[in-house]
């Protein structure tokens, strides 16, 4: 079981605000990953606006919740997170 965090921007958040916050978000996710935080992958959706929604994949709910608690996109009030359990089937 993995856990997907879906982010959607709060209504009225300007794209420029997302872009100015992105560097803090990037530093945060890089440090989280380096500390063994259970982050598998993350990134924005490309349509219609890459800044409007994104997702992350985590190995545990605890890691997903911990990530959300410190992510600048959340702490600065830009986005609303949602955690979903994902019963993934991988083909390698």
Protein backbone atom coordinates (compact mmCIF):
# COMPACT_ATOMS: atom_id res chain seq x y z
CA UNK A 1 0.00 0.00 0.00
CA UNK A 2 1.24 3.46 -0.87
CA UNK A 3 -0.29 6.84 -0.17
CA UNK A 4 -0.96 9.56 -2.70
CA UNK A 5 -1.19 13.19 -1.68
CA UNK A 6 -3.18 15.29 -4.14
CA UNK A 7 -2.76 19.06 -3.97
CA UNK A 8 -5.19 21.51 -5.49
CA UNK A 9 -4.72 25.25 -5.28
CA UNK A 10 -7.12 27.29 -3.21
CA UNK A 11 -9.39 29.38 -5.39
CA UNK A 12 -7.91 32.76 -6.22
CA UNK A 13 -4.27 31.84 -5.59
CA UNK A 14 -2.17 33.58 -8.21
CA UNK A 15 0.29 31.57 -10.30
CA UNK A 16 3.00 34.10 -9.39
CA UNK A 17 2.54 33.23 -5.71
CA UNK A 18 3.02 29.53 -6.50
CA UNK A 19 6.17 30.27 -8.48
CA UNK A 20 7.67 32.43 -5.72
CA UNK A 21 6.96 29.69 -3.14
CA UNK A 22 8.26 26.87 -5.35
CA UNK A 23 11.93 27.25 -4.31
CA UNK A 24 11.02 26.78 -0.62
CA UNK A 25 8.86 23.80 -1.59
CA UNK A 26 11.72 22.31 -3.62
CA UNK A 27 14.23 22.73 -0.77
CA UNK A 28 11.70 21.14 1.57
CA UNK A 29 11.02 18.07 -0.57
CA UNK A 30 14.73 17.54 -1.29
CA UNK A 31 15.54 17.64 2.45
CA UNK A 32 12.56 15.39 3.24
CA UNK A 33 13.74 12.85 0.69
CA UNK A 34 17.37 13.03 1.88
CA UNK A 35 16.23 12.33 5.44
CA UNK A 36 14.58 9.08 4.32
CA UNK A 37 11.07 10.49 4.48
CA UNK A 38 9.39 7.82 2.37
CA UNK A 39 8.83 10.10 -0.61
CA UNK A 40 8.67 7.98 -3.79
CA UNK A 41 7.78 10.60 -6.41
CA UNK A 42 6.06 13.95 -6.86
CA UNK A 43 5.19 16.48 -9.49
CA UNK A 44 2.58 18.70 -11.09
CA UNK A 45 -0.07 17.71 -13.56
CA UNK A 46 0.54 19.30 -16.95
CA UNK A 47 -3.01 20.21 -17.94
CA UNK A 48 -4.61 22.64 -17.94
CA UNK A 49 -2.16 24.59 -15.72
CA UNK A 50 0.88 22.88 -14.17
CA UNK A 51 0.70 25.18 -11.15
CA UNK A 52 -2.92 24.25 -10.38
CA UNK A 53 -2.54 20.68 -9.10
CA UNK A 54 0.09 18.12 -8.20
CA UNK A 55 0.60 14.85 -6.40
CA UNK A 56 3.15 12.99 -4.32
CA UNK A 57 3.53 9.29 -3.62
CA UNK A 58 4.63 8.11 -0.17
CA UNK A 59 5.42 4.76 1.40
CA UNK A 60 3.29 5.42 4.53
CA UNK A 61 0.43 7.60 5.72
CA UNK A 62 2.70 8.92 8.49
CA UNK A 63 5.21 10.15 5.92
CA UNK A 64 2.46 11.72 3.82
CA UNK A 65 1.03 13.52 6.86
CA UNK A 66 4.47 14.64 8.03
CA UNK A 67 5.27 15.97 4.57
CA UNK A 68 2.03 17.96 4.41
CA UNK A 69 2.61 19.43 7.86
CA UNK A 70 5.79 21.21 6.76
CA UNK A 71 5.34 21.85 3.05
CA UNK A 72 5.40 25.59 2.23
CA UNK A 73 2.58 25.14 -0.29
CA UNK A 74 0.40 24.11 2.66
CA UNK A 75 1.87 26.17 5.50
CA UNK A 76 1.61 29.34 3.39
CA UNK A 77 -2.01 28.61 2.52
CA UNK A 78 -1.68 28.00 -1.21
CA UNK A 79 -3.06 24.50 -1.57
CA UNK A 80 -5.43 21.97 -0.07
CA UNK A 81 -4.02 18.44 0.39
CA UNK A 82 -5.91 15.18 0.21
CA UNK A 83 -4.44 11.79 1.14
CA UNK A 84 -5.61 8.66 -0.67
CA UNK A 85 -4.59 5.06 -0.01
CA UNK A 86 -3.32 3.56 -3.23
CA UNK A 87 -3.35 -0.20 -3.73
CA UNK A 88 -0.77 -0.05 -6.48
CA UNK A 89 0.08 -2.88 -8.86
CA UNK A 90 3.50 -2.37 -10.47
CA UNK A 91 4.67 -3.98 -13.69
CA UNK A 92 8.43 -4.08 -14.04
